[in-house]
Amino acid sequence: MSMSAASKRLAWFCGPWVVVVALAMALVFRVAPTAAPVDVSFATLIPERFGAWTLVPDAGSTIVNPQQAATLQEIYDETLSRVYRRADTGEVVMLSIAYGRDQSHRNQVHKPEVCYPAQGFTLSNITPVTLEVAGRSLPSTRVEARLGSRDEFIQYWMLQGDSVIRGALQQNFYRAARALKGERTDGLLFRTSIIGGDPAAAYRAQTDFAQQLAAALPADRLRRLVGTVHRP
């Protein structure tokens, strides 16, 4: 097949999708947010003690957040940073939640793969996983980040509207589909991490943390963290 023929076929195939996405993105910037505000702050929603995990008082400020404070205030309506310790093992998990009512492209929640390198971290072993939390299968991602002698093992999922999504492609297409309906959704990033130690043990502890947290929440509050629709 000639190059020109291949180009024409590619244009014929991709053209309609380009138009759809362009139209959707244009609509995003013309519609008002439709997502209902969070009915309770995340500081209230997340208990200080659940299962084997207990809040470490006044330790949230020690979390090295890979985004600048000014950026956090511009993008998100609410953030929460806490540190929890498991009583029987002494494992320490850092929790970060970032929530924004406006998930247009400019204000969408930022994945660790974007914001960690911007602060000088080197990433490796970016791995898609599925977490079993409260009887639900959540598309999630694991990332290893290094800055100097600091090794951080990160596990997170993203919520857009009522759907847990994974990756920029799902994020963009979900936003485009909702924009075509004249809607703009809210979004959330649920991130945990552990500094140092064995990676497998770090991820087991973080999964246990998420599972015990979910088990401690009533259904209406749990929905704020895991939504109702889950996409592989």
Protein backbone atom coordinates (compact mmCIF):
# COMPACT_ATOMS: atom_id res chain seq x y z
CA MET A 1 0.00 0.00 0.00
CA SER A 2 1.37 3.43 -0.90
CA MET A 3 2.13 5.96 1.81
CA SER A 4 -0.58 8.29 0.53
CA ALA A 5 -3.17 5.50 0.51
CA ALA A 6 -2.21 4.47 4.05
CA SER A 7 -2.47 8.08 5.19
CA LYS A 8 -5.92 8.43 3.65
CA ARG A 9 -7.13 5.25 5.32
CA LEU A 10 -5.76 6.38 8.68
CA ALA A 11 -7.44 9.76 8.29
CA TRP A 12 -10.74 8.09 7.37
CA PHE A 13 -10.54 5.84 10.44
CA CYS A 14 -9.36 8.43 12.95
CA GLY A 15 -11.20 11.45 11.61
CA PRO A 16 -14.57 10.80 13.29
CA TRP A 17 -12.89 10.16 16.63
CA VAL A 18 -10.91 13.37 16.38
CA VAL A 19 -14.11 15.29 15.70
CA VAL A 20 -15.89 13.64 18.65
CA VAL A 21 -13.07 14.36 21.06
CA ALA A 22 -12.66 17.92 19.82
CA LEU A 23 -16.39 18.56 20.18
CA ALA A 24 -16.42 17.05 23.64
CA MET A 25 -13.47 19.11 24.79
CA ALA A 26 -15.11 22.26 23.46
CA LEU A 27 -18.26 21.45 25.40
CA VAL A 28 -16.30 20.87 28.58
CA PHE A 29 -15.31 24.50 28.69
CA ARG A 30 -18.88 25.72 28.09
CA VAL A 31 -20.77 23.77 30.73
CA ALA A 32 -20.99 24.35 34.44
CA PRO A 33 -19.93 21.67 36.92
CA THR A 34 -22.76 19.31 37.76
CA ALA A 35 -21.16 17.17 40.45
CA ALA A 36 -22.69 17.56 43.89
CA PRO A 37 -20.33 18.92 46.56
CA VAL A 38 -18.93 16.47 49.07
CA ASP A 39 -21.44 16.30 51.92
CA VAL A 40 -18.73 15.83 54.54
CA SER A 41 -15.07 16.75 54.56
CA PHE A 42 -12.57 13.99 53.99
CA ALA A 43 -11.01 14.80 57.35
CA THR A 44 -14.34 13.76 58.87
CA LEU A 45 -15.06 10.94 56.40
CA ILE A 46 -11.78 9.11 57.09
CA PRO A 47 -11.72 7.79 60.68
CA GLU A 48 -8.67 8.24 62.85
CA ARG A 49 -8.82 4.59 63.91
CA PHE A 50 -10.07 1.57 61.96
CA GLY A 51 -9.17 -2.12 62.08
CA ALA A 52 -5.53 -2.42 63.13
CA TRP A 53 -4.65 1.08 61.88
CA THR A 54 -4.36 4.21 64.01
CA LEU A 55 -3.63 7.82 63.08
CA VAL A 56 -0.19 9.11 64.01
CA PRO A 57 -0.98 12.59 65.40
CA ASP A 58 0.64 15.63 63.79
CA ALA A 59 2.56 13.48 61.29
CA GLY A 60 0.66 14.42 58.12
CA SER A 61 2.83 17.47 57.58
CA THR A 62 5.88 15.21 57.26
CA ILE A 63 4.57 13.70 54.01
CA VAL A 64 6.61 14.97 51.10
CA ASN A 65 3.89 16.01 48.69
CA PRO A 66 5.15 15.94 45.11
CA GLN A 67 3.01 18.96 44.19
CA GLN A 68 3.59 22.53 45.23
CA ALA A 69 1.12 24.08 47.68
CA ALA A 70 0.09 26.72 45.13
CA THR A 71 -0.71 24.01 42.59
CA LEU A 72 -2.74 22.06 45.13
CA GLN A 73 -4.85 25.11 45.94
CA GLU A 74 -5.41 25.88 42.27
CA ILE A 75 -6.47 22.39 41.18
CA TYR A 76 -8.14 20.80 44.19
CA ASP A 77 -11.08 21.77 46.39
CA GLU A 78 -9.88 19.59 49.25
CA THR A 79 -6.80 17.57 50.15
CA LEU A 80 -6.02 15.31 53.07
CA SER A 81 -2.60 14.06 54.20
CA ARG A 82 -2.29 11.64 57.11
CA VAL A 83 0.03 8.99 58.49
CA TYR A 84 -1.26 5.75 60.02
CA ARG A 85 0.53 2.99 61.93
CA ARG A 86 -0.55 -0.66 62.17
CA ALA A 87 -0.50 -1.63 65.82
CA ASP A 88 0.68 -5.22 65.54
CA THR A 89 3.39 -4.83 62.90
CA GLY A 90 4.44 -1.20 63.31
CA GLU A 91 4.07 -0.60 59.55
CA VAL A 92 3.51 3.04 58.63
CA VAL A 93 1.36 4.10 55.67
CA MET A 94 1.11 7.63 54.32
CA LEU A 95 -2.33 8.56 52.97
CA SER A 96 -3.02 11.38 50.52
CA ILE A 97 -6.45 12.22 49.11
CA ALA A 98 -6.95 14.98 46.54
CA TYR A 99 -10.46 15.97 45.45
CA GLY A 100 -11.59 18.43 42.76
CA ARG A 101 -15.11 19.29 41.60
CA ASP A 102 -13.89 20.41 38.17
CA GLN A 103 -12.31 17.68 36.03
CA SER A 104 -11.78 19.68 32.86
CA HIS A 105 -8.39 19.01 31.26
CA ARG A 106 -6.72 21.95 33.00
CA ASN A 107 -7.92 20.99 36.47
CA GLN A 108 -7.94 17.19 36.33
CA VAL A 109 -6.38 15.23 39.20
CA HIS A 110 -2.69 14.65 38.62
CA LYS A 111 -1.32 11.11 38.65
CA PRO A 112 1.94 10.39 40.50
CA GLU A 113 3.54 9.60 37.12
CA VAL A 114 3.12 13.27 36.26
CA CYS A 115 3.73 15.15 39.49
CA TYR A 116 6.48 13.06 41.10
CA PRO A 117 9.00 13.54 38.24
CA ALA A 118 8.19 17.24 38.26
CA GLN A 119 9.62 17.33 41.80
CA GLY A 120 12.78 15.42 40.91
CA PHE A 121 11.73 11.82 41.59
CA THR A 122 12.78 9.02 39.26
CA LEU A 123 10.04 6.46 38.60
CA SER A 124 10.28 2.75 37.86
CA ASN A 125 8.15 -0.39 37.85
CA ILE A 126 4.89 1.34 36.96
CA THR A 127 2.46 -1.57 37.19
CA PRO A 128 -1.32 -1.77 36.65
CA VAL A 129 -3.03 -3.91 39.29
CA THR A 130 -6.54 -4.73 40.39
CA LEU A 131 -7.28 -4.32 44.10
CA GLU A 132 -10.08 -6.20 45.81
CA VAL A 133 -11.62 -3.66 48.16
CA ALA A 134 -15.03 -4.04 49.83
CA GLY A 135 -16.03 -6.71 47.34
CA ARG A 136 -15.13 -4.48 44.39
CA SER A 137 -12.36 -4.79 41.83
CA LEU A 138 -10.60 -1.43 41.59
CA PRO A 139 -8.28 -0.66 38.64
CA SER A 140 -5.19 0.72 40.37
CA THR A 141 -1.53 1.45 39.76
CA ARG A 142 1.70 0.82 41.63
CA VAL A 143 4.75 3.04 41.19
CA GLU A 144 8.23 3.05 42.68
CA ALA A 145 9.73 6.51 43.16
CA ARG A 146 13.27 7.45 44.14
CA LEU A 147 14.75 10.76 45.22
CA GLY A 148 18.32 10.47 46.48
CA SER A 149 18.30 7.78 49.16
CA ARG A 150 14.50 7.88 49.52
CA ASP A 151 12.63 4.93 48.00
CA GLU A 152 8.86 5.32 48.05
CA PHE A 153 6.40 2.61 47.05
CA ILE A 154 3.15 4.15 45.85
CA GLN A 155 -0.26 2.62 45.23
CA TYR A 156 -3.22 4.63 43.97
CA TRP A 157 -6.53 4.72 42.14
CA MET A 158 -8.45 7.54 40.47
CA LEU A 159 -12.16 8.25 40.66
CA GLN A 160 -13.89 10.36 38.03
CA GLY A 161 -17.59 10.86 38.66
CA ASP A 162 -18.83 7.42 39.73
CA SER A 163 -16.15 5.49 37.83
CA VAL A 164 -12.76 4.26 38.97
CA ILE A 165 -10.53 4.78 35.94
CA ARG A 166 -6.92 4.00 35.12
CA GLY A 167 -4.63 6.00 32.88
CA ALA A 168 -4.86 9.14 30.80
CA LEU A 169 -6.72 7.46 27.93
CA GLN A 170 -9.67 6.42 30.10
CA GLN A 171 -9.53 9.76 31.88
CA ASN A 172 -9.81 11.72 28.62
CA PHE A 173 -12.46 9.55 26.97
CA TYR A 174 -14.61 9.45 30.10
CA ARG A 175 -14.43 13.24 30.34
CA ALA A 176 -15.26 13.58 26.63
CA ALA A 177 -18.26 11.24 26.89
CA ARG A 178 -19.67 13.15 29.84
CA ALA A 179 -19.04 16.48 28.13
CA LEU A 180 -21.13 15.36 25.15
CA LYS A 181 -24.00 15.04 27.63
CA GLY A 182 -23.35 18.55 28.90
CA GLU A 183 -21.86 17.29 32.15
CA ARG A 184 -18.64 17.95 34.02
CA THR A 185 -17.68 15.52 36.77
CA ASP A 186 -15.71 15.70 39.97
CA GLY A 187 -12.62 13.59 40.56
CA LEU A 188 -10.49 12.08 43.30
CA LEU A 189 -7.04 10.59 43.72
CA PHE A 190 -6.62 8.07 46.55
CA ARG A 191 -2.92 7.48 47.14
CA THR A 192 -1.01 5.54 49.76
CA SER A 193 2.73 5.05 50.05
CA ILE A 194 5.43 3.55 52.22
CA ILE A 195 9.04 4.68 52.43
CA GLY A 196 11.72 1.99 52.23
CA GLY A 197 11.65 -1.71 52.99
CA ASP A 198 10.59 -4.59 50.77
CA PRO A 199 8.33 -3.58 47.85
CA ALA A 200 6.07 -6.64 48.11
CA ALA A 201 5.58 -6.09 51.85
CA ALA A 202 4.92 -2.39 51.27
CA TYR A 203 2.16 -3.10 48.75
CA ARG A 204 0.61 -5.79 50.97
CA ALA A 205 0.43 -3.31 53.83
CA GLN A 206 -1.12 -0.63 51.64
CA THR A 207 -3.73 -3.06 50.31
CA ASP A 208 -4.55 -4.14 53.84
CA PHE A 209 -4.88 -0.46 54.80
CA ALA A 210 -7.33 0.21 51.97
CA GLN A 211 -9.36 -2.91 52.70
CA GLN A 212 -9.67 -2.19 56.42
CA LEU A 213 -10.56 1.44 55.74
CA ALA A 214 -13.29 0.42 53.29
CA ALA A 215 -14.68 -2.12 55.75
CA ALA A 216 -15.02 0.61 58.38
CA LEU A 217 -17.08 2.98 56.19
CA PRO A 218 -20.85 2.93 55.66
CA ALA A 219 -21.94 2.50 52.03
CA ASP A 220 -22.73 6.17 51.37
CA ARG A 221 -19.29 7.29 52.54
CA LEU A 222 -17.47 4.42 50.87
CA ARG A 223 -18.93 5.55 47.54
CA ARG A 224 -16.98 8.79 47.89
CA LEU A 225 -13.76 6.81 47.67
CA VAL A 226 -14.54 3.97 45.26
CA GLY A 227 -17.60 5.10 43.25
CA THR A 228 -20.09 2.65 41.80
CA VAL A 229 -18.64 1.79 38.37
CA HIS A 230 -15.25 0.16 37.90
CA ARG A 231 -13.40 -0.01 34.62
CA PRO A 232 -10.59 -2.56 33.97
